[in-house]
Amino acid sequence: MLPEPAVMNGRRSFPLEEAEELMKLCEPGIIDKTRYLVRSGKHVFEVDEFYGENEGLVVAEIELESEEESFVKPDFIGKEVTGDVRYYNSQLMKKPYKTW
């Protein structure tokens, strides 16, 4: 018997059969990007550099305990886009960055 999948940072591994079923729920298409982990102070930003139809788009994300939590903002960070649905992967499939 296999052990339970490990849960790390909200992510976990799945048995192949379960993963195949979950993939059926996904919208078609592929988002082509490279993710970089960038430390800034005590936090780590996940920085996604997009390619293909989303070439030129770079998005940085940070996980905070609350909206009031302070963090060191790196110089490369631009405008705040939290809540702007255009930046969601599902929306980038439907209306790529290059069409904005």
PDB file of N, CA and C in Angstrom:
ATOM      1  N   MET A   1       0.841  -1.167   0.000  1.00  0.00           N
ATOM      2  CA  MET A   1       0.000   0.000   0.000  1.00  0.00           C
ATOM      3  C   MET A   1       0.894   1.241   0.000  1.00  0.00           C
ATOM      4  N   LEU A   2       0.533   2.234  -0.856  1.00  0.00           N
ATOM      5  CA  LEU A   2       1.298   3.468  -0.947  1.00  0.00           C
ATOM      6  C   LEU A   2       0.925   4.413   0.185  1.00  0.00           C
ATOM      7  N   PRO A   3       1.873   5.207   0.648  1.00  0.00           N
ATOM      8  CA  PRO A   3       1.541   6.203   1.680  1.00  0.00           C
ATOM      9  C   PRO A   3       0.688   7.311   1.089  1.00  0.00           C
ATOM     10  N   GLU A   4       0.038   8.069   1.962  1.00  0.00           N
ATOM     11  CA  GLU A   4      -0.755   9.218   1.512  1.00  0.00           C
ATOM     12  C   GLU A   4       0.173  10.221   0.822  1.00  0.00           C
ATOM     13  N   PRO A   5      -0.338  10.914  -0.198  1.00  0.00           N
ATOM     14  CA  PRO A   5       0.493  11.924  -0.860  1.00  0.00           C
ATOM     15  C   PRO A   5       0.903  13.014   0.113  1.00  0.00           C
ATOM     16  N   ALA A   6       2.109  13.493  -0.060  1.00  0.00           N
ATOM     17  CA  ALA A   6       2.598  14.581   0.787  1.00  0.00           C
ATOM     18  C   ALA A   6       1.951  15.888   0.361  1.00  0.00           C
ATOM     19  N   VAL A   7       1.636  16.728   1.309  1.00  0.00           N
ATOM     20  CA  VAL A   7       1.093  18.052   1.021  1.00  0.00           C
ATOM     21  C   VAL A   7       2.161  19.067   1.396  1.00  0.00           C
ATOM     22  N   MET A   8       2.562  19.879   0.415  1.00  0.00           N
ATOM     23  CA  MET A   8       3.580  20.897   0.640  1.00  0.00           C
ATOM     24  C   MET A   8       3.123  22.183  -0.024  1.00  0.00           C
ATOM     25  N   ASN A   9       3.010  23.245   0.765  1.00  0.00           N
ATOM     26  CA  ASN A   9       2.622  24.548   0.228  1.00  0.00           C
ATOM     27  C   ASN A   9       1.330  24.481  -0.575  1.00  0.00           C
ATOM     28  N   GLY A  10       0.379  23.673  -0.113  1.00  0.00           N
ATOM     29  CA  GLY A  10      -0.904  23.605  -0.795  1.00  0.00           C
ATOM     30  C   GLY A  10      -0.901  22.750  -2.046  1.00  0.00           C
ATOM     31  N   ARG A  11       0.211  22.118  -2.362  1.00  0.00           N
ATOM     32  CA  ARG A  11       0.299  21.262  -3.552  1.00  0.00           C
ATOM     33  C   ARG A  11       0.488  19.827  -3.093  1.00  0.00           C
ATOM     34  N   ARG A  12       0.010  18.885  -3.906  1.00  0.00           N
ATOM     35  CA  ARG A  12       0.197  17.489  -3.542  1.00  0.00           C
ATOM     36  C   ARG A  12       0.294  16.642  -4.796  1.00  0.00           C
ATOM     37  N   SER A  13       0.823  15.445  -4.639  1.00  0.00           N
ATOM     38  CA  SER A  13       0.895  14.519  -5.757  1.00  0.00           C
ATOM     39  C   SER A  13      -0.361  13.654  -5.756  1.00  0.00           C
ATOM     40  N   PHE A  14      -0.718  13.133  -6.939  1.00  0.00           N
ATOM     41  CA  PHE A  14      -1.917  12.320  -7.106  1.00  0.00           C
ATOM     42  C   PHE A  14      -1.549  11.010  -7.779  1.00  0.00           C
ATOM     43  N   PRO A  15      -2.303   9.959  -7.502  1.00  0.00           N
ATOM     44  CA  PRO A  15      -2.139   8.745  -8.298  1.00  0.00           C
ATOM     45  C   PRO A  15      -2.487   9.061  -9.754  1.00  0.00           C
ATOM     46  N   LEU A  16      -1.872   8.380 -10.702  1.00  0.00           N
ATOM     47  CA  LEU A  16      -2.055   8.650 -12.123  1.00  0.00           C
ATOM     48  C   LEU A  16      -3.532   8.651 -12.524  1.00  0.00           C
ATOM     49  N   GLU A  17      -4.301   7.695 -12.053  1.00  0.00           N
ATOM     50  CA  GLU A  17      -5.710   7.605 -12.444  1.00  0.00           C
ATOM     51  C   GLU A  17      -6.485   8.841 -11.986  1.00  0.00           C
ATOM     52  N   GLU A  18      -6.214   9.290 -10.777  1.00  0.00           N
ATOM     53  CA  GLU A  18      -6.888  10.477 -10.256  1.00  0.00           C
ATOM     54  C   GLU A  18      -6.454  11.726 -11.033  1.00  0.00           C
ATOM     55  N   ALA A  19      -5.179  11.807 -11.363  1.00  0.00           N
ATOM     56  CA  ALA A  19      -4.671  12.936 -12.137  1.00  0.00           C
ATOM     57  C   ALA A  19      -5.320  12.985 -13.520  1.00  0.00           C
ATOM     58  N   GLU A  20      -5.489  11.829 -14.158  1.00  0.00           N
ATOM     59  CA  GLU A  20      -6.134  11.787 -15.475  1.00  0.00           C
ATOM     60  C   GLU A  20      -7.579  12.264 -15.395  1.00  0.00           C
ATOM     61  N   GLU A  21      -8.287  11.913 -14.332  1.00  0.00           N
ATOM     62  CA  GLU A  21      -9.671  12.371 -14.153  1.00  0.00           C
ATOM     63  C   GLU A  21      -9.709  13.883 -13.925  1.00  0.00           C
ATOM     64  N   LEU A  22      -8.784  14.394 -13.138  1.00  0.00           N
ATOM     65  CA  LEU A  22      -8.726  15.831 -12.897  1.00  0.00           C
ATOM     66  C   LEU A  22      -8.408  16.598 -14.183  1.00  0.00           C
ATOM     67  N   MET A  23      -7.551  16.044 -15.017  1.00  0.00           N
ATOM     68  CA  MET A  23      -7.197  16.703 -16.273  1.00  0.00           C
ATOM     69  C   MET A  23      -8.405  16.860 -17.194  1.00  0.00           C
ATOM     70  N   LYS A  24      -9.369  15.957 -17.092  1.00  0.00           N
ATOM     71  CA  LYS A  24     -10.584  16.056 -17.908  1.00  0.00           C
ATOM     72  C   LYS A  24     -11.397  17.299 -17.546  1.00  0.00           C
ATOM     73  N   LEU A  25     -11.222  17.802 -16.327  1.00  0.00           N
ATOM     74  CA  LEU A  25     -11.947  18.994 -15.874  1.00  0.00           C
ATOM     75  C   LEU A  25     -11.298  20.293 -16.361  1.00  0.00           C
ATOM     76  N   CYS A  26     -10.059  20.208 -16.814  1.00  0.00           N
ATOM     77  CA  CYS A  26      -9.320  21.401 -17.221  1.00  0.00           C
ATOM     78  C   CYS A  26      -9.788  21.903 -18.583  1.00  0.00           C
ATOM     79  N   GLU A  27      -9.649  23.214 -18.754  1.00  0.00           N
ATOM     80  CA  GLU A  27      -9.935  23.803 -20.049  1.00  0.00           C
ATOM     81  C   GLU A  27      -8.812  23.413 -21.001  1.00  0.00           C
ATOM     82  N   PRO A  28      -9.127  23.304 -22.302  1.00  0.00           N
ATOM     83  CA  PRO A  28      -8.089  22.912 -23.260  1.00  0.00           C
ATOM     84  C   PRO A  28      -7.040  24.008 -23.435  1.00  0.00           C
ATOM     85  N   GLY A  29      -5.862  23.602 -23.864  1.00  0.00           N
ATOM     86  CA  GLY A  29      -4.798  24.544 -24.145  1.00  0.00           C
ATOM     87  C   GLY A  29      -3.670  24.441 -23.143  1.00  0.00           C
ATOM     88  N   ILE A  30      -2.610  25.144 -23.474  1.00  0.00           N
ATOM     89  CA  ILE A  30      -1.413  25.120 -22.635  1.00  0.00           C
ATOM     90  C   ILE A  30      -0.956  26.556 -22.397  1.00  0.00           C
ATOM     91  N   ILE A  31      -0.627  26.850 -21.164  1.00  0.00           N
ATOM     92  CA  ILE A  31       0.008  28.122 -20.832  1.00  0.00           C
ATOM     93  C   ILE A  31       1.504  27.828 -20.759  1.00  0.00           C
ATOM     94  N   ASP A  32       2.267  28.474 -21.627  1.00  0.00           N
ATOM     95  CA  ASP A  32       3.707  28.250 -21.702  1.00  0.00           C
ATOM     96  C   ASP A  32       4.405  29.328 -20.876  1.00  0.00           C
ATOM     97  N   LYS A  33       5.049  28.903 -19.785  1.00  0.00           N
ATOM     98  CA  LYS A  33       5.716  29.863 -18.907  1.00  0.00           C
ATOM     99  C   LYS A  33       6.831  29.180 -18.141  1.00  0.00           C
ATOM    100  N   THR A  34       7.735  29.996 -17.651  1.00  0.00           N
ATOM    101  CA  THR A  34       8.782  29.536 -16.749  1.00  0.00           C
ATOM    102  C   THR A  34       8.551  30.220 -15.412  1.00  0.00           C
ATOM    103  N   ARG A  35       8.623  29.460 -14.331  1.00  0.00           N
ATOM    104  CA  ARG A  35       8.438  30.010 -12.989  1.00  0.00           C
ATOM    105  C   ARG A  35       9.800  30.117 -12.302  1.00  0.00           C
ATOM    106  N   TYR A  36      10.045  31.292 -11.751  1.00  0.00           N
ATOM    107  CA  TYR A  36      11.264  31.556 -10.985  1.00  0.00           C
ATOM    108  C   TYR A  36      10.867  31.841  -9.538  1.00  0.00           C
ATOM    109  N   LEU A  37      11.664  31.396  -8.602  1.00  0.00           N
ATOM    110  CA  LEU A  37      11.454  31.702  -7.190  1.00  0.00           C
ATOM    111  C   LEU A  37      12.473  32.757  -6.797  1.00  0.00           C
ATOM    112  N   VAL A  38      11.970  33.912  -6.338  1.00  0.00           N
ATOM    113  CA  VAL A  38      12.828  35.047  -6.024  1.00  0.00           C
ATOM    114  C   VAL A  38      12.630  35.443  -4.567  1.00  0.00           C
ATOM    115  N   ARG A  39      13.679  35.294  -3.771  1.00  0.00           N
ATOM    116  CA  ARG A  39      13.599  35.657  -2.350  1.00  0.00           C
ATOM    117  C   ARG A  39      13.718  37.170  -2.205  1.00  0.00           C
ATOM    118  N   SER A  40      12.865  37.710  -1.346  1.00  0.00           N
ATOM    119  CA  SER A  40      12.902  39.135  -1.025  1.00  0.00           C
ATOM    120  C   SER A  40      12.561  39.263   0.455  1.00  0.00           C
ATOM    121  N   GLY A  41      13.542  39.606   1.264  1.00  0.00           N
ATOM    122  CA  GLY A  41      13.319  39.632   2.705  1.00  0.00           C
ATOM    123  C   GLY A  41      13.000  38.230   3.190  1.00  0.00           C
ATOM    124  N   LYS A  42      11.927  38.084   3.974  1.00  0.00           N
ATOM    125  CA  LYS A  42      11.556  36.762   4.494  1.00  0.00           C
ATOM    126  C   LYS A  42      10.553  36.034   3.589  1.00  0.00           C
ATOM    127  N   HIS A  43      10.228  36.621   2.436  1.00  0.00           N
ATOM    128  CA  HIS A  43       9.249  36.031   1.526  1.00  0.00           C
ATOM    129  C   HIS A  43       9.904  35.539   0.238  1.00  0.00           C
ATOM    130  N   VAL A  44       9.172  34.699  -0.467  1.00  0.00           N
ATOM    131  CA  VAL A  44       9.601  34.230  -1.782  1.00  0.00           C
ATOM    132  C   VAL A  44       8.509  34.579  -2.782  1.00  0.00           C
ATOM    133  N   PHE A  45       8.879  35.317  -3.826  1.00  0.00           N
ATOM    134  CA  PHE A  45       7.960  35.626  -4.917  1.00  0.00           C
ATOM    135  C   PHE A  45       8.031  34.513  -5.949  1.00  0.00           C
ATOM    136  N   GLU A  46       6.877  34.101  -6.462  1.00  0.00           N
ATOM    137  CA  GLU A  46       6.818  33.217  -7.622  1.00  0.00           C
ATOM    138  C   GLU A  46       6.651  34.123  -8.826  1.00  0.00           C
ATOM    139  N   VAL A  47       7.653  34.146  -9.692  1.00  0.00           N
ATOM    140  CA  VAL A  47       7.656  35.027 -10.855  1.00  0.00           C
ATOM    141  C   VAL A  47       7.490  34.175 -12.102  1.00  0.00           C
ATOM    142  N   ASP A  48       6.403  34.414 -12.836  1.00  0.00           N
ATOM    143  CA  ASP A  48       6.114  33.667 -14.060  1.00  0.00           C
ATOM    144  C   ASP A  48       6.422  34.513 -15.280  1.00  0.00           C
ATOM    145  N   GLU A  49       7.286  33.998 -16.153  1.00  0.00           N
ATOM    146  CA  GLU A  49       7.597  34.631 -17.433  1.00  0.00           C
ATOM    147  C   GLU A  49       6.868  33.833 -18.514  1.00  0.00           C
ATOM    148  N   PHE A  50       5.991  34.488 -19.242  1.00  0.00           N
ATOM    149  CA  PHE A  50       5.139  33.819 -20.220  1.00  0.00           C
ATOM    150  C   PHE A  50       5.746  33.869 -21.617  1.00  0.00           C
ATOM    151  N   TYR A  51       5.362  32.878 -22.433  1.00  0.00           N
ATOM    152  CA  TYR A  51       5.835  32.757 -23.811  1.00  0.00           C
ATOM    153  C   TYR A  51       4.632  32.586 -24.744  1.00  0.00           C
ATOM    154  N   GLY A  52       4.916  32.397 -26.018  1.00  0.00           N
ATOM    155  CA  GLY A  52       3.846  32.168 -26.991  1.00  0.00           C
ATOM    156  C   GLY A  52       2.953  33.389 -27.128  1.00  0.00           C
ATOM    157  N   GLU A  53       1.647  33.173 -27.095  1.00  0.00           N
ATOM    158  CA  GLU A  53       0.686  34.258 -27.244  1.00  0.00           C
ATOM    159  C   GLU A  53       0.684  35.221 -26.053  1.00  0.00           C
ATOM    160  N   ASN A  54       1.339  34.845 -24.970  1.00  0.00           N
ATOM    161  CA  ASN A  54       1.437  35.701 -23.784  1.00  0.00           C
ATOM    162  C   ASN A  54       2.844  36.255 -23.587  1.00  0.00           C
ATOM    163  N   GLU A  55       3.666  36.165 -24.658  1.00  0.00           N
ATOM    164  CA  GLU A  55       5.043  36.667 -24.622  1.00  0.00           C
ATOM    165  C   GLU A  55       5.070  38.126 -24.170  1.00  0.00           C
ATOM    166  N   GLY A  56       5.998  38.432 -23.285  1.00  0.00           N
ATOM    167  CA  GLY A  56       6.134  39.794 -22.783  1.00  0.00           C
ATOM    168  C   GLY A  56       5.487  40.002 -21.425  1.00  0.00           C
ATOM    169  N   LEU A  57       4.645  39.081 -21.014  1.00  0.00           N
ATOM    170  CA  LEU A  57       3.974  39.184 -19.719  1.00  0.00           C
ATOM    171  C   LEU A  57       4.820  38.508 -18.652  1.00  0.00           C
ATOM    172  N   VAL A  58       5.055  39.212 -17.568  1.00  0.00           N
ATOM    173  CA  VAL A  58       5.752  38.666 -16.401  1.00  0.00           C
ATOM    174  C   VAL A  58       4.899  39.020 -15.187  1.00  0.00           C
ATOM    175  N   VAL A  59       4.537  38.009 -14.410  1.00  0.00           N
ATOM    176  CA  VAL A  59       3.677  38.205 -13.246  1.00  0.00           C
ATOM    177  C   VAL A  59       4.388  37.660 -12.015  1.00  0.00           C
ATOM    178  N   ALA A  60       4.372  38.430 -10.934  1.00  0.00           N
ATOM    179  CA  ALA A  60       4.970  38.004  -9.665  1.00  0.00           C
ATOM    180  C   ALA A  60       3.860  37.842  -8.640  1.00  0.00           C
ATOM    181  N   GLU A  61       3.965  36.785  -7.848  1.00  0.00           N
ATOM    182  CA  GLU A  61       2.966  36.507  -6.818  1.00  0.00           C
ATOM    183  C   GLU A  61       3.667  36.211  -5.509  1.00  0.00           C
ATOM    184  N   ILE A  62       3.060  36.664  -4.431  1.00  0.00           N
ATOM    185  CA  ILE A  62       3.594  36.419  -3.093  1.00  0.00           C
ATOM    186  C   ILE A  62       2.439  35.970  -2.210  1.00  0.00           C
ATOM    187  N   GLU A  63       2.697  35.026  -1.320  1.00  0.00           N
ATOM    188  CA  GLU A  63       1.690  34.574  -0.358  1.00  0.00           C
ATOM    189  C   GLU A  63       1.917  35.292   0.959  1.00  0.00           C
ATOM    190  N   LEU A  64       0.889  35.980   1.425  1.00  0.00           N
ATOM    191  CA  LEU A  64       0.961  36.693   2.693  1.00  0.00           C
ATOM    192  C   LEU A  64      -0.051  36.108   3.667  1.00  0.00           C
ATOM    193  N   GLU A  65       0.224  36.244   4.944  1.00  0.00           N
ATOM    194  CA  GLU A  65      -0.707  35.782   5.976  1.00  0.00           C
ATOM    195  C   GLU A  65      -1.969  36.646   6.006  1.00  0.00           C
ATOM    196  N   SER A  66      -1.817  37.933   5.688  1.00  0.00           N
ATOM    197  CA  SER A  66      -2.950  38.860   5.659  1.00  0.00           C
ATOM    198  C   SER A  66      -2.608  40.014   4.724  1.00  0.00           C
ATOM    199  N   GLU A  67      -3.614  40.796   4.344  1.00  0.00           N
ATOM    200  CA  GLU A  67      -3.384  41.955   3.486  1.00  0.00           C
ATOM    201  C   GLU A  67      -2.517  42.997   4.168  1.00  0.00           C
ATOM    202  N   GLU A  68      -2.505  42.998   5.492  1.00  0.00           N
ATOM    203  CA  GLU A  68      -1.732  43.982   6.243  1.00  0.00           C
ATOM    204  C   GLU A  68      -0.267  43.583   6.431  1.00  0.00           C
ATOM    205  N   GLU A  69       0.081  42.335   6.127  1.00  0.00           N
ATOM    206  CA  GLU A  69       1.459  41.879   6.330  1.00  0.00           C
ATOM    207  C   GLU A  69       2.415  42.674   5.445  1.00  0.00           C
ATOM    208  N   SER A  70       3.486  43.156   6.033  1.00  0.00           N
ATOM    209  CA  SER A  70       4.467  43.922   5.262  1.00  0.00           C
ATOM    210  C   SER A  70       5.440  42.971   4.571  1.00  0.00           C
ATOM    211  N   PHE A  71       6.025  43.471   3.474  1.00  0.00           N
ATOM    212  CA  PHE A  71       7.024  42.693   2.741  1.00  0.00           C
ATOM    213  C   PHE A  71       7.941  43.646   2.008  1.00  0.00           C
ATOM    214  N   VAL A  72       9.114  43.139   1.653  1.00  0.00           N
ATOM    215  CA  VAL A  72      10.088  43.921   0.900  1.00  0.00           C
ATOM    216  C   VAL A  72       9.729  43.788  -0.573  1.00  0.00           C
ATOM    217  N   LYS A  73       9.385  44.918  -1.191  1.00  0.00           N
ATOM    218  CA  LYS A  73       8.976  44.922  -2.605  1.00  0.00           C
ATOM    219  C   LYS A  73      10.206  45.112  -3.496  1.00  0.00           C
ATOM    220  N   PRO A  74      10.560  44.083  -4.278  1.00  0.00           N
ATOM    221  CA  PRO A  74      11.714  44.211  -5.169  1.00  0.00           C
ATOM    222  C   PRO A  74      11.482  45.310  -6.215  1.00  0.00           C
ATOM    223  N   ASP A  75      12.564  45.878  -6.721  1.00  0.00           N
ATOM    224  CA  ASP A  75      12.481  46.965  -7.702  1.00  0.00           C
ATOM    225  C   ASP A  75      11.783  46.550  -8.990  1.00  0.00           C
ATOM    226  N   PHE A  76      11.821  45.274  -9.333  1.00  0.00           N
ATOM    227  CA  PHE A  76      11.232  44.842 -10.605  1.00  0.00           C
ATOM    228  C   PHE A  76       9.707  44.739 -10.559  1.00  0.00           C
ATOM    229  N   ILE A  77       9.110  44.860  -9.396  1.00  0.00           N
ATOM    230  CA  ILE A  77       7.656  44.743  -9.267  1.00  0.00           C
ATOM    231  C   ILE A  77       6.994  46.011  -9.806  1.00  0.00           C
ATOM    232  N   GLY A  78       5.996  45.816 -10.675  1.00  0.00           N
ATOM    233  CA  GLY A  78       5.259  46.942 -11.254  1.00  0.00           C
ATOM    234  C   GLY A  78       3.925  47.129 -10.565  1.00  0.00           C
ATOM    235  N   LYS A  79       2.886  47.318 -11.368  1.00  0.00           N
ATOM    236  CA  LYS A  79       1.566  47.629 -10.805  1.00  0.00           C
ATOM    237  C   LYS A  79       0.910  46.406 -10.176  1.00  0.00           C
ATOM    238  N   GLU A  80       0.031  46.660  -9.234  1.00  0.00           N
ATOM    239  CA  GLU A  80      -0.738  45.615  -8.540  1.00  0.00           C
ATOM    240  C   GLU A  80      -1.855  45.131  -9.460  1.00  0.00           C
ATOM    241  N   VAL A  81      -1.956  43.803  -9.652  1.00  0.00           N
ATOM    242  CA  VAL A  81      -2.995  43.258 -10.526  1.00  0.00           C
ATOM    243  C   VAL A  81      -3.877  42.232  -9.811  1.00  0.00           C
ATOM    244  N   THR A  82      -3.742  42.144  -8.498  1.00  0.00           N
ATOM    245  CA  THR A  82      -4.571  41.208  -7.735  1.00  0.00           C
ATOM    246  C   THR A  82      -6.043  41.457  -8.051  1.00  0.00           C
ATOM    247  N   GLY A  83      -6.756  40.386  -8.383  1.00  0.00           N
ATOM    248  CA  GLY A  83      -8.179  40.493  -8.663  1.00  0.00           C
ATOM    249  C   GLY A  83      -8.512  40.846 -10.104  1.00  0.00           C
ATOM    250  N   ASP A  84      -7.523  41.208 -10.921  1.00  0.00           N
ATOM    251  CA  ASP A  84      -7.759  41.509 -12.335  1.00  0.00           C
ATOM    252  C   ASP A  84      -7.801  40.185 -13.094  1.00  0.00           C
ATOM    253  N   VAL A  85      -8.991  39.772 -13.499  1.00  0.00           N
ATOM    254  CA  VAL A  85      -9.176  38.443 -14.087  1.00  0.00           C
ATOM    255  C   VAL A  85      -8.402  38.258 -15.384  1.00  0.00           C
ATOM    256  N   ARG A  86      -7.993  39.321 -16.049  1.00  0.00           N
ATOM    257  CA  ARG A  86      -7.214  39.175 -17.292  1.00  0.00           C
ATOM    258  C   ARG A  86      -5.927  38.393 -17.062  1.00  0.00           C
ATOM    259  N   TYR A  87      -5.418  38.426 -15.836  1.00  0.00           N
ATOM    260  CA  TYR A  87      -4.144  37.777 -15.525  1.00  0.00           C
ATOM    261  C   TYR A  87      -4.303  36.330 -15.075  1.00  0.00           C
ATOM    262  N   TYR A  88      -5.528  35.841 -14.933  1.00  0.00           N
ATOM    263  CA  TYR A  88      -5.752  34.447 -14.556  1.00  0.00           C
ATOM    264  C   TYR A  88      -5.345  33.563 -15.727  1.00  0.00           C
ATOM    265  N   ASN A  89      -4.716  32.421 -15.453  1.00  0.00           N
ATOM    266  CA  ASN A  89      -4.310  31.518 -16.525  1.00  0.00           C
ATOM    267  C   ASN A  89      -5.478  31.142 -17.426  1.00  0.00           C
ATOM    268  N   SER A  90      -6.637  30.893 -16.833  1.00  0.00           N
ATOM    269  CA  SER A  90      -7.805  30.513 -17.634  1.00  0.00           C
ATOM    270  C   SER A  90      -8.191  31.622 -18.606  1.00  0.00           C
ATOM    271  N   GLN A  91      -8.036  32.868 -18.198  1.00  0.00           N
ATOM    272  CA  GLN A  91      -8.366  33.989 -19.079  1.00  0.00           C
ATOM    273  C   GLN A  91      -7.276  34.232 -20.118  1.00  0.00           C
ATOM    274  N   LEU A  92      -6.021  33.985 -19.740  1.00  0.00           N
ATOM    275  CA  LEU A  92      -4.930  34.141 -20.700  1.00  0.00           C
ATOM    276  C   LEU A  92      -5.046  33.137 -21.845  1.00  0.00           C
ATOM    277  N   MET A  93      -5.722  32.018 -21.602  1.00  0.00           N
ATOM    278  CA  MET A  93      -5.979  31.051 -22.677  1.00  0.00           C
ATOM    279  C   MET A  93      -7.010  31.621 -23.659  1.00  0.00           C
ATOM    280  N   LYS A  94      -8.022  32.286 -23.142  1.00  0.00           N
ATOM    281  CA  LYS A  94      -9.114  32.804 -23.967  1.00  0.00           C
ATOM    282  C   LYS A  94      -8.749  34.118 -24.649  1.00  0.00           C
ATOM    283  N   LYS A  95      -8.062  34.984 -23.935  1.00  0.00           N
ATOM    284  CA  LYS A  95      -7.673  36.290 -24.464  1.00  0.00           C
ATOM    285  C   LYS A  95      -6.219  36.549 -24.086  1.00  0.00           C
ATOM    286  N   PRO A  96      -5.300  36.054 -24.923  1.00  0.00           N
ATOM    287  CA  PRO A  96      -3.871  36.175 -24.617  1.00  0.00           C
ATOM    288  C   PRO A  96      -3.403  37.621 -24.495  1.00  0.00           C
ATOM    289  N   TYR A  97      -2.344  37.778 -23.766  1.00  0.00           N
ATOM    290  CA  TYR A  97      -1.741  39.080 -23.479  1.00  0.00           C
ATOM    291  C   TYR A  97      -1.465  39.878 -24.763  1.00  0.00           C
ATOM    292  N   LYS A  98      -1.009  39.202 -25.816  1.00  0.00           N
ATOM    293  CA  LYS A  98      -0.675  39.889 -27.061  1.00  0.00           C
ATOM    294  C   LYS A  98      -1.874  40.560 -27.721  1.00  0.00           C
ATOM    295  N   THR A  99      -3.097  40.190 -27.308  1.00  0.00           N
ATOM    296  CA  THR A  99      -4.298  40.779 -27.919  1.00  0.00           C
ATOM    297  C   THR A  99      -4.835  41.970 -27.128  1.00  0.00           C
ATOM    298  N   TRP A 100      -4.225  42.311 -26.013  1.00  0.00           N
ATOM    299  CA  TRP A 100      -4.728  43.422 -25.186  1.00  0.00           C
ATOM    300  C   TRP A 100      -4.485  44.752 -25.850  1.00  0.00           C
TER     301      TRP A 100
END
